Amino acid sequence: MNKIDEKTLKRVSEVCRLKLSQGELKEFSLDSEKLFTFFSKINQDYAPKDLSLYLTLNRNPLRKDGTAKTFEGAKSILDLAPKRSADYFKVPKNL
């Protein structure tokens, strides 16, 4: 079990701008101990034994993937732009 000592807990409360009494510090200490216990149990129970579980083929079942098609109307869209330079839109700088 891991514990947060009182000095660390006081520092955390200062950084968070909390004014905690001694009773609240003890309560937070117990809560943090419970959290550490909980997370250590999760690490033990759910640690992946085989990383291949995370290697999956992500596919969208709602559409079929086909070959990519090039867009033929790029020139017509560029003609609508107020300013352009060769094959690019010209826009003002945004800083």
PDB file of N, CA and C in Angstrom:
ATOM      1  N   MET A   1       0.827  -1.182   0.000  1.00  0.00           N
ATOM      2  CA  MET A   1       0.000   0.000   0.000  1.00  0.00           C
ATOM      3  C   MET A   1       0.872   1.245   0.000  1.00  0.00           C
ATOM      4  N   ASN A   2       0.507   2.204  -0.791  1.00  0.00           N
ATOM      5  CA  ASN A   2       1.216   3.473  -0.821  1.00  0.00           C
ATOM      6  C   ASN A   2       0.462   4.487   0.027  1.00  0.00           C
ATOM      7  N   LYS A   3       1.229   5.373   0.601  1.00  0.00           N
ATOM      8  CA  LYS A   3       0.628   6.432   1.407  1.00  0.00           C
ATOM      9  C   LYS A   3       1.221   7.764   0.990  1.00  0.00           C
ATOM     10  N   ILE A   4       0.416   8.786   1.091  1.00  0.00           N
ATOM     11  CA  ILE A   4       0.919  10.141   0.907  1.00  0.00           C
ATOM     12  C   ILE A   4       1.179  10.682   2.302  1.00  0.00           C
ATOM     13  N   ASP A   5       2.404  11.140   2.530  1.00  0.00           N
ATOM     14  CA  ASP A   5       2.705  11.661   3.854  1.00  0.00           C
ATOM     15  C   ASP A   5       2.042  13.028   4.050  1.00  0.00           C
ATOM     16  N   GLU A   6       2.007  13.459   5.286  1.00  0.00           N
ATOM     17  CA  GLU A   6       1.306  14.689   5.644  1.00  0.00           C
ATOM     18  C   GLU A   6       1.926  15.909   4.969  1.00  0.00           C
ATOM     19  N   LYS A   7       3.240  15.907   4.817  1.00  0.00           N
ATOM     20  CA  LYS A   7       3.932  17.040   4.189  1.00  0.00           C
ATOM     21  C   LYS A   7       3.480  17.197   2.733  1.00  0.00           C
ATOM     22  N   THR A   8       3.424  16.091   2.013  1.00  0.00           N
ATOM     23  CA  THR A   8       2.986  16.126   0.614  1.00  0.00           C
ATOM     24  C   THR A   8       1.532  16.553   0.514  1.00  0.00           C
ATOM     25  N   LEU A   9       0.710  16.061   1.422  1.00  0.00           N
ATOM     26  CA  LEU A   9      -0.698  16.412   1.418  1.00  0.00           C
ATOM     27  C   LEU A   9      -0.901  17.905   1.690  1.00  0.00           C
ATOM     28  N   LYS A  10      -0.102  18.461   2.598  1.00  0.00           N
ATOM     29  CA  LYS A  10      -0.183  19.899   2.873  1.00  0.00           C
ATOM     30  C   LYS A  10       0.243  20.700   1.648  1.00  0.00           C
ATOM     31  N   ARG A  11       1.274  20.226   0.969  1.00  0.00           N
ATOM     32  CA  ARG A  11       1.748  20.927  -0.233  1.00  0.00           C
ATOM     33  C   ARG A  11       0.689  20.900  -1.339  1.00  0.00           C
ATOM     34  N   VAL A  12       0.040  19.774  -1.506  1.00  0.00           N
ATOM     35  CA  VAL A  12      -1.021  19.664  -2.505  1.00  0.00           C
ATOM     36  C   VAL A  12      -2.156  20.618  -2.163  1.00  0.00           C
ATOM     37  N   SER A  13      -2.512  20.692  -0.896  1.00  0.00           N
ATOM     38  CA  SER A  13      -3.597  21.592  -0.501  1.00  0.00           C
ATOM     39  C   SER A  13      -3.191  23.056  -0.709  1.00  0.00           C
ATOM     40  N   GLU A  14      -1.919  23.392  -0.510  1.00  0.00           N
ATOM     41  CA  GLU A  14      -1.453  24.762  -0.773  1.00  0.00           C
ATOM     42  C   GLU A  14      -1.528  25.090  -2.258  1.00  0.00           C
ATOM     43  N   VAL A  15      -1.097  24.158  -3.086  1.00  0.00           N
ATOM     44  CA  VAL A  15      -1.122  24.380  -4.528  1.00  0.00           C
ATOM     45  C   VAL A  15      -2.565  24.546  -5.009  1.00  0.00           C
ATOM     46  N   CYS A  16      -3.478  23.782  -4.426  1.00  0.00           N
ATOM     47  CA  CYS A  16      -4.891  23.859  -4.800  1.00  0.00           C
ATOM     48  C   CYS A  16      -5.610  24.996  -4.085  1.00  0.00           C
ATOM     49  N   ARG A  17      -4.879  25.698  -3.249  1.00  0.00           N
ATOM     50  CA  ARG A  17      -5.423  26.820  -2.472  1.00  0.00           C
ATOM     51  C   ARG A  17      -6.591  26.382  -1.594  1.00  0.00           C
ATOM     52  N   LEU A  18      -6.375  25.271  -0.901  1.00  0.00           N
ATOM     53  CA  LEU A  18      -7.359  24.762   0.045  1.00  0.00           C
ATOM     54  C   LEU A  18      -6.828  24.939   1.454  1.00  0.00           C
ATOM     55  N   LYS A  19      -7.684  25.359   2.339  1.00  0.00           N
ATOM     56  CA  LYS A  19      -7.304  25.455   3.745  1.00  0.00           C
ATOM     57  C   LYS A  19      -7.957  24.285   4.467  1.00  0.00           C
ATOM     58  N   LEU A  20      -7.137  23.290   4.757  1.00  0.00           N
ATOM     59  CA  LEU A  20      -7.650  22.064   5.357  1.00  0.00           C
ATOM     60  C   LEU A  20      -7.264  21.985   6.827  1.00  0.00           C
ATOM     61  N   SER A  21      -8.192  21.537   7.634  1.00  0.00           N
ATOM     62  CA  SER A  21      -7.901  21.313   9.047  1.00  0.00           C
ATOM     63  C   SER A  21      -7.167  19.984   9.198  1.00  0.00           C
ATOM     64  N   GLN A  22      -6.706  19.702  10.410  1.00  0.00           N
ATOM     65  CA  GLN A  22      -6.008  18.430  10.665  1.00  0.00           C
ATOM     66  C   GLN A  22      -6.936  17.251  10.403  1.00  0.00           C
ATOM     67  N   GLY A  23      -8.194  17.380  10.778  1.00  0.00           N
ATOM     68  CA  GLY A  23      -9.154  16.298  10.542  1.00  0.00           C
ATOM     69  C   GLY A  23      -9.348  16.043   9.052  1.00  0.00           C
ATOM     70  N   GLU A  24      -9.424  17.134   8.258  1.00  0.00           N
ATOM     71  CA  GLU A  24      -9.590  16.986   6.815  1.00  0.00           C
ATOM     72  C   GLU A  24      -8.341  16.385   6.180  1.00  0.00           C
ATOM     73  N   LEU A  25      -7.169  16.759   6.713  1.00  0.00           N
ATOM     74  CA  LEU A  25      -5.926  16.173   6.194  1.00  0.00           C
ATOM     75  C   LEU A  25      -5.899  14.667   6.435  1.00  0.00           C
ATOM     76  N   LYS A  26      -6.329  14.224   7.616  1.00  0.00           N
ATOM     77  CA  LYS A  26      -6.363  12.795   7.915  1.00  0.00           C
ATOM     78  C   LYS A  26      -7.362  12.086   6.999  1.00  0.00           C
ATOM     79  N   GLU A  27      -8.508  12.754   6.759  1.00  0.00           N
ATOM     80  CA  GLU A  27      -9.529  12.166   5.882  1.00  0.00           C
ATOM     81  C   GLU A  27      -8.995  12.024   4.460  1.00  0.00           C
ATOM     82  N   PHE A  28      -8.323  13.068   3.958  1.00  0.00           N
ATOM     83  CA  PHE A  28      -7.734  13.001   2.621  1.00  0.00           C
ATOM     84  C   PHE A  28      -6.635  11.948   2.551  1.00  0.00           C
ATOM     85  N   SER A  29      -5.902  11.792   3.630  1.00  0.00           N
ATOM     86  CA  SER A  29      -4.852  10.768   3.671  1.00  0.00           C
ATOM     87  C   SER A  29      -5.469   9.377   3.532  1.00  0.00           C
ATOM     88  N   LEU A  30      -6.557   9.135   4.248  1.00  0.00           N
ATOM     89  CA  LEU A  30      -7.241   7.835   4.149  1.00  0.00           C
ATOM     90  C   LEU A  30      -7.824   7.632   2.749  1.00  0.00           C
ATOM     91  N   ASP A  31      -8.412   8.704   2.189  1.00  0.00           N
ATOM     92  CA  ASP A  31      -8.976   8.610   0.837  1.00  0.00           C
ATOM     93  C   ASP A  31      -7.892   8.308  -0.195  1.00  0.00           C
ATOM     94  N   SER A  32      -6.744   8.963  -0.062  1.00  0.00           N
ATOM     95  CA  SER A  32      -5.663   8.722  -1.020  1.00  0.00           C
ATOM     96  C   SER A  32      -5.139   7.299  -0.891  1.00  0.00           C
ATOM     97  N   GLU A  33      -5.095   6.795   0.330  1.00  0.00           N
ATOM     98  CA  GLU A  33      -4.658   5.404   0.541  1.00  0.00           C
ATOM     99  C   GLU A  33      -5.622   4.437  -0.142  1.00  0.00           C
ATOM    100  N   LYS A  34      -6.928   4.714  -0.035  1.00  0.00           N
ATOM    101  CA  LYS A  34      -7.929   3.876  -0.701  1.00  0.00           C
ATOM    102  C   LYS A  34      -7.765   3.933  -2.222  1.00  0.00           C
ATOM    103  N   LEU A  35      -7.488   5.133  -2.732  1.00  0.00           N
ATOM    104  CA  LEU A  35      -7.282   5.282  -4.179  1.00  0.00           C
ATOM    105  C   LEU A  35      -6.078   4.481  -4.651  1.00  0.00           C
ATOM    106  N   PHE A  36      -4.975   4.594  -3.916  1.00  0.00           N
ATOM    107  CA  PHE A  36      -3.777   3.840  -4.292  1.00  0.00           C
ATOM    108  C   PHE A  36      -4.043   2.339  -4.268  1.00  0.00           C
ATOM    109  N   THR A  37      -4.765   1.880  -3.267  1.00  0.00           N
ATOM    110  CA  THR A  37      -5.097   0.463  -3.176  1.00  0.00           C
ATOM    111  C   THR A  37      -5.945   0.043  -4.374  1.00  0.00           C
ATOM    112  N   PHE A  38      -6.932   0.853  -4.694  1.00  0.00           N
ATOM    113  CA  PHE A  38      -7.816   0.553  -5.820  1.00  0.00           C
ATOM    114  C   PHE A  38      -7.042   0.487  -7.127  1.00  0.00           C
ATOM    115  N   PHE A  39      -6.192   1.502  -7.388  1.00  0.00           N
ATOM    116  CA  PHE A  39      -5.451   1.528  -8.646  1.00  0.00           C
ATOM    117  C   PHE A  39      -4.401   0.425  -8.722  1.00  0.00           C
ATOM    118  N   SER A  40      -3.803   0.076  -7.610  1.00  0.00           N
ATOM    119  CA  SER A  40      -2.834  -1.027  -7.647  1.00  0.00           C
ATOM    120  C   SER A  40      -3.546  -2.343  -7.950  1.00  0.00           C
ATOM    121  N   LYS A  41      -4.773  -2.489  -7.437  1.00  0.00           N
ATOM    122  CA  LYS A  41      -5.541  -3.695  -7.737  1.00  0.00           C
ATOM    123  C   LYS A  41      -5.914  -3.735  -9.219  1.00  0.00           C
ATOM    124  N   ILE A  42      -6.293  -2.593  -9.779  1.00  0.00           N
ATOM    125  CA  ILE A  42      -6.608  -2.532 -11.211  1.00  0.00           C
ATOM    126  C   ILE A  42      -5.380  -2.900 -12.029  1.00  0.00           C
ATOM    127  N   ASN A  43      -4.222  -2.375 -11.654  1.00  0.00           N
ATOM    128  CA  ASN A  43      -2.991  -2.693 -12.393  1.00  0.00           C
ATOM    129  C   ASN A  43      -2.691  -4.179 -12.355  1.00  0.00           C
ATOM    130  N   GLN A  44      -2.949  -4.826 -11.247  1.00  0.00           N
ATOM    131  CA  GLN A  44      -2.682  -6.262 -11.142  1.00  0.00           C
ATOM    132  C   GLN A  44      -3.688  -7.067 -11.954  1.00  0.00           C
ATOM    133  N   ASP A  45      -4.958  -6.708 -11.848  1.00  0.00           N
ATOM    134  CA  ASP A  45      -6.010  -7.488 -12.496  1.00  0.00           C
ATOM    135  C   ASP A  45      -6.067  -7.299 -14.002  1.00  0.00           C
ATOM    136  N   TYR A  46      -5.840  -6.095 -14.457  1.00  0.00           N
ATOM    137  CA  TYR A  46      -6.063  -5.791 -15.862  1.00  0.00           C
ATOM    138  C   TYR A  46      -4.790  -5.546 -16.658  1.00  0.00           C
ATOM    139  N   ALA A  47      -3.652  -5.888 -16.116  1.00  0.00           N
ATOM    140  CA  ALA A  47      -2.415  -5.737 -16.865  1.00  0.00           C
ATOM    141  C   ALA A  47      -2.448  -6.701 -18.050  1.00  0.00           C
ATOM    142  N   PRO A  48      -2.210  -6.184 -19.247  1.00  0.00           N
ATOM    143  CA  PRO A  48      -2.288  -7.072 -20.414  1.00  0.00           C
ATOM    144  C   PRO A  48      -1.172  -8.099 -20.397  1.00  0.00           C
ATOM    145  N   LYS A  49      -1.547  -9.347 -20.513  1.00  0.00           N
ATOM    146  CA  LYS A  49      -0.557 -10.413 -20.564  1.00  0.00           C
ATOM    147  C   LYS A  49      -0.079 -10.631 -21.994  1.00  0.00           C
ATOM    148  N   ASP A  50      -0.933 -10.267 -22.922  1.00  0.00           N
ATOM    149  CA  ASP A  50      -0.592 -10.417 -24.328  1.00  0.00           C
ATOM    150  C   ASP A  50      -0.959  -9.120 -25.047  1.00  0.00           C
ATOM    151  N   LEU A  51       0.042  -8.405 -25.514  1.00  0.00           N
ATOM    152  CA  LEU A  51      -0.214  -7.119 -26.155  1.00  0.00           C
ATOM    153  C   LEU A  51      -0.922  -7.252 -27.496  1.00  0.00           C
ATOM    154  N   SER A  52      -0.992  -8.443 -28.043  1.00  0.00           N
ATOM    155  CA  SER A  52      -1.672  -8.613 -29.322  1.00  0.00           C
ATOM    156  C   SER A  52      -3.181  -8.382 -29.183  1.00  0.00           C
ATOM    157  N   LEU A  53      -3.673  -8.340 -27.950  1.00  0.00           N
ATOM    158  CA  LEU A  53      -5.087  -8.033 -27.746  1.00  0.00           C
ATOM    159  C   LEU A  53      -5.424  -6.632 -28.244  1.00  0.00           C
ATOM    160  N   TYR A  54      -4.429  -5.747 -28.217  1.00  0.00           N
ATOM    161  CA  TYR A  54      -4.669  -4.368 -28.618  1.00  0.00           C
ATOM    162  C   TYR A  54      -4.445  -4.148 -30.107  1.00  0.00           C
ATOM    163  N   LEU A  55      -3.946  -5.146 -30.782  1.00  0.00           N
ATOM    164  CA  LEU A  55      -3.711  -5.024 -32.217  1.00  0.00           C
ATOM    165  C   LEU A  55      -4.925  -5.559 -32.948  1.00  0.00           C
ATOM    166  N   THR A  56      -5.803  -4.672 -33.315  1.00  0.00           N
ATOM    167  CA  THR A  56      -7.021  -5.086 -34.001  1.00  0.00           C
ATOM    168  C   THR A  56      -7.120  -4.369 -35.326  1.00  0.00           C
ATOM    169  N   LEU A  57      -7.870  -4.937 -36.204  1.00  0.00           N
ATOM    170  CA  LEU A  57      -8.131  -4.285 -37.475  1.00  0.00           C
ATOM    171  C   LEU A  57      -9.353  -3.402 -37.300  1.00  0.00           C
ATOM    172  N   ASN A  58      -9.144  -2.111 -37.406  1.00  0.00           N
ATOM    173  CA  ASN A  58     -10.254  -1.181 -37.262  1.00  0.00           C
ATOM    174  C   ASN A  58     -10.926  -1.002 -38.612  1.00  0.00           C
ATOM    175  N   ARG A  59     -12.123  -1.424 -38.680  1.00  0.00           N
ATOM    176  CA  ARG A  59     -12.891  -1.298 -39.923  1.00  0.00           C
ATOM    177  C   ARG A  59     -14.246  -0.690 -39.596  1.00  0.00           C
ATOM    178  N   ASN A  60     -14.736   0.066 -40.531  1.00  0.00           N
ATOM    179  CA  ASN A  60     -16.049   0.665 -40.384  1.00  0.00           C
ATOM    180  C   ASN A  60     -17.061  -0.265 -41.038  1.00  0.00           C
ATOM    181  N   PRO A  61     -17.952  -0.853 -40.273  1.00  0.00           N
ATOM    182  CA  PRO A  61     -18.892  -1.814 -40.861  1.00  0.00           C
ATOM    183  C   PRO A  61     -20.002  -1.148 -41.679  1.00  0.00           C
ATOM    184  N   LEU A  62     -20.093   0.175 -41.614  1.00  0.00           N
ATOM    185  CA  LEU A  62     -21.194   0.856 -42.283  1.00  0.00           C
ATOM    186  C   LEU A  62     -20.891   1.247 -43.725  1.00  0.00           C
ATOM    187  N   ARG A  63     -19.651   1.154 -44.139  1.00  0.00           N
ATOM    188  CA  ARG A  63     -19.335   1.479 -45.527  1.00  0.00           C
ATOM    189  C   ARG A  63     -18.236   0.564 -46.031  1.00  0.00           C
ATOM    190  N   LYS A  64     -18.190   0.415 -47.325  1.00  0.00           N
ATOM    191  CA  LYS A  64     -17.147  -0.407 -47.930  1.00  0.00           C
ATOM    192  C   LYS A  64     -15.994   0.496 -48.332  1.00  0.00           C
ATOM    193  N   ASP A  65     -14.800   0.066 -47.987  1.00  0.00           N
ATOM    194  CA  ASP A  65     -13.620   0.804 -48.415  1.00  0.00           C
ATOM    195  C   ASP A  65     -13.279   0.402 -49.834  1.00  0.00           C
ATOM    196  N   GLY A  66     -13.118   1.388 -50.656  1.00  0.00           N
ATOM    197  CA  GLY A  66     -12.760   1.117 -52.045  1.00  0.00           C
ATOM    198  C   GLY A  66     -11.480   1.851 -52.380  1.00  0.00           C
ATOM    199  N   THR A  67     -11.188   1.928 -53.629  1.00  0.00           N
ATOM    200  CA  THR A  67      -9.997   2.653 -54.043  1.00  0.00           C
ATOM    201  C   THR A  67     -10.281   4.144 -53.967  1.00  0.00           C
ATOM    202  N   ALA A  68      -9.272   4.905 -53.666  1.00  0.00           N
ATOM    203  CA  ALA A  68      -9.417   6.346 -53.550  1.00  0.00           C
ATOM    204  C   ALA A  68      -9.575   6.959 -54.936  1.00  0.00           C
ATOM    205  N   LYS A  69     -10.442   7.928 -54.990  1.00  0.00           N
ATOM    206  CA  LYS A  69     -10.671   8.614 -56.250  1.00  0.00           C
ATOM    207  C   LYS A  69     -10.143  10.034 -56.128  1.00  0.00           C
ATOM    208  N   THR A  70      -9.553  10.521 -57.181  1.00  0.00           N
ATOM    209  CA  THR A  70      -9.067  11.896 -57.170  1.00  0.00           C
ATOM    210  C   THR A  70     -10.228  12.836 -57.459  1.00  0.00           C
ATOM    211  N   PHE A  71     -10.148  14.018 -56.887  1.00  0.00           N
ATOM    212  CA  PHE A  71     -11.201  15.009 -57.067  1.00  0.00           C
ATOM    213  C   PHE A  71     -10.912  15.792 -58.337  1.00  0.00           C
ATOM    214  N   GLU A  72     -11.836  15.802 -59.233  1.00  0.00           N
ATOM    215  CA  GLU A  72     -11.640  16.434 -60.538  1.00  0.00           C
ATOM    216  C   GLU A  72     -12.002  17.921 -60.533  1.00  0.00           C
ATOM    217  N   GLY A  73     -12.758  18.367 -59.549  1.00  0.00           N
ATOM    218  CA  GLY A  73     -13.236  19.746 -59.580  1.00  0.00           C
ATOM    219  C   GLY A  73     -12.395  20.726 -58.804  1.00  0.00           C
ATOM    220  N   ALA A  74     -11.147  20.434 -58.524  1.00  0.00           N
ATOM    221  CA  ALA A  74     -10.306  21.331 -57.735  1.00  0.00           C
ATOM    222  C   ALA A  74     -10.134  22.672 -58.442  1.00  0.00           C
ATOM    223  N   LYS A  75      -9.972  22.665 -59.734  1.00  0.00           N
ATOM    224  CA  LYS A  75      -9.783  23.916 -60.488  1.00  0.00           C
ATOM    225  C   LYS A  75     -11.026  24.789 -60.389  1.00  0.00           C
ATOM    226  N   SER A  76     -12.201  24.197 -60.470  1.00  0.00           N
ATOM    227  CA  SER A  76     -13.424  24.996 -60.400  1.00  0.00           C
ATOM    228  C   SER A  76     -13.607  25.614 -59.009  1.00  0.00           C
ATOM    229  N   ILE A  77     -13.180  24.920 -57.968  1.00  0.00           N
ATOM    230  CA  ILE A  77     -13.264  25.490 -56.621  1.00  0.00           C
ATOM    231  C   ILE A  77     -12.251  26.607 -56.461  1.00  0.00           C
ATOM    232  N   LEU A  78     -11.041  26.416 -56.981  1.00  0.00           N
ATOM    233  CA  LEU A  78     -10.022  27.466 -56.902  1.00  0.00           C
ATOM    234  C   LEU A  78     -10.457  28.711 -57.670  1.00  0.00           C
ATOM    235  N   ASP A  79     -11.202  28.541 -58.741  1.00  0.00           N
ATOM    236  CA  ASP A  79     -11.677  29.695 -59.503  1.00  0.00           C
ATOM    237  C   ASP A  79     -12.656  30.536 -58.702  1.00  0.00           C
ATOM    238  N   LEU A  80     -13.326  29.959 -57.722  1.00  0.00           N
ATOM    239  CA  LEU A  80     -14.269  30.697 -56.891  1.00  0.00           C
ATOM    240  C   LEU A  80     -13.593  31.491 -55.778  1.00  0.00           C
ATOM    241  N   ALA A  81     -12.323  31.203 -55.487  1.00  0.00           N
ATOM    242  CA  ALA A  81     -11.611  31.856 -54.392  1.00  0.00           C
ATOM    243  C   ALA A  81     -11.290  33.302 -54.746  1.00  0.00           C
ATOM    244  N   PRO A  82     -11.408  34.232 -53.771  1.00  0.00           N
ATOM    245  CA  PRO A  82     -11.078  35.629 -54.056  1.00  0.00           C
ATOM    246  C   PRO A  82      -9.591  35.829 -54.367  1.00  0.00           C
ATOM    247  N   LYS A  83      -8.712  35.075 -53.688  1.00  0.00           N
ATOM    248  CA  LYS A  83      -7.275  35.180 -53.945  1.00  0.00           C
ATOM    249  C   LYS A  83      -6.711  33.772 -54.018  1.00  0.00           C
ATOM    250  N   ARG A  84      -5.808  33.580 -54.941  1.00  0.00           N
ATOM    251  CA  ARG A  84      -5.161  32.277 -55.035  1.00  0.00           C
ATOM    252  C   ARG A  84      -3.771  32.447 -55.609  1.00  0.00           C
ATOM    253  N   SER A  85      -2.940  31.454 -55.343  1.00  0.00           N
ATOM    254  CA  SER A  85      -1.580  31.430 -55.845  1.00  0.00           C
ATOM    255  C   SER A  85      -1.339  30.033 -56.389  1.00  0.00           C
ATOM    256  N   ALA A  86      -1.244  29.925 -57.685  1.00  0.00           N
ATOM    257  CA  ALA A  86      -1.078  28.637 -58.364  1.00  0.00           C
ATOM    258  C   ALA A  86      -2.216  27.699 -57.975  1.00  0.00           C
ATOM    259  N   ASP A  87      -1.915  26.614 -57.280  1.00  0.00           N
ATOM    260  CA  ASP A  87      -2.947  25.643 -56.904  1.00  0.00           C
ATOM    261  C   ASP A  87      -3.361  25.756 -55.438  1.00  0.00           C
ATOM    262  N   TYR A  88      -3.160  26.926 -54.839  1.00  0.00           N
ATOM    263  CA  TYR A  88      -3.448  27.092 -53.424  1.00  0.00           C
ATOM    264  C   TYR A  88      -4.322  28.319 -53.191  1.00  0.00           C
ATOM    265  N   PHE A  89      -5.126  28.277 -52.117  1.00  0.00           N
ATOM    266  CA  PHE A  89      -5.874  29.448 -51.685  1.00  0.00           C
ATOM    267  C   PHE A  89      -4.925  30.391 -50.976  1.00  0.00           C
ATOM    268  N   LYS A  90      -5.130  31.690 -51.138  1.00  0.00           N
ATOM    269  CA  LYS A  90      -4.367  32.677 -50.379  1.00  0.00           C
ATOM    270  C   LYS A  90      -5.284  33.236 -49.317  1.00  0.00           C
ATOM    271  N   VAL A  91      -4.879  33.135 -48.066  1.00  0.00           N
ATOM    272  CA  VAL A  91      -5.673  33.630 -46.951  1.00  0.00           C
ATOM    273  C   VAL A  91      -4.810  34.546 -46.098  1.00  0.00           C
ATOM    274  N   PRO A  92      -5.429  35.475 -45.362  1.00  0.00           N
ATOM    275  CA  PRO A  92      -4.634  36.340 -44.496  1.00  0.00           C
ATOM    276  C   PRO A  92      -4.036  35.542 -43.316  1.00  0.00           C
ATOM    277  N   LYS A  93      -2.929  36.025 -42.813  1.00  0.00           N
ATOM    278  CA  LYS A  93      -2.292  35.367 -41.683  1.00  0.00           C
ATOM    279  C   LYS A  93      -3.143  35.532 -40.438  1.00  0.00           C
ATOM    280  N   ASN A  94      -3.246  34.482 -39.682  1.00  0.00           N
ATOM    281  CA  ASN A  94      -3.956  34.497 -38.395  1.00  0.00           C
ATOM    282  C   ASN A  94      -2.945  34.237 -37.311  1.00  0.00           C
ATOM    283  N   LEU A  95      -2.676  35.249 -36.527  1.00  0.00           N
ATOM    284  CA  LEU A  95      -1.714  35.069 -35.439  1.00  0.00           C
ATOM    285  C   LEU A  95      -2.396  35.106 -34.114  1.00  0.00           C
TER     286      LEU A  95
END
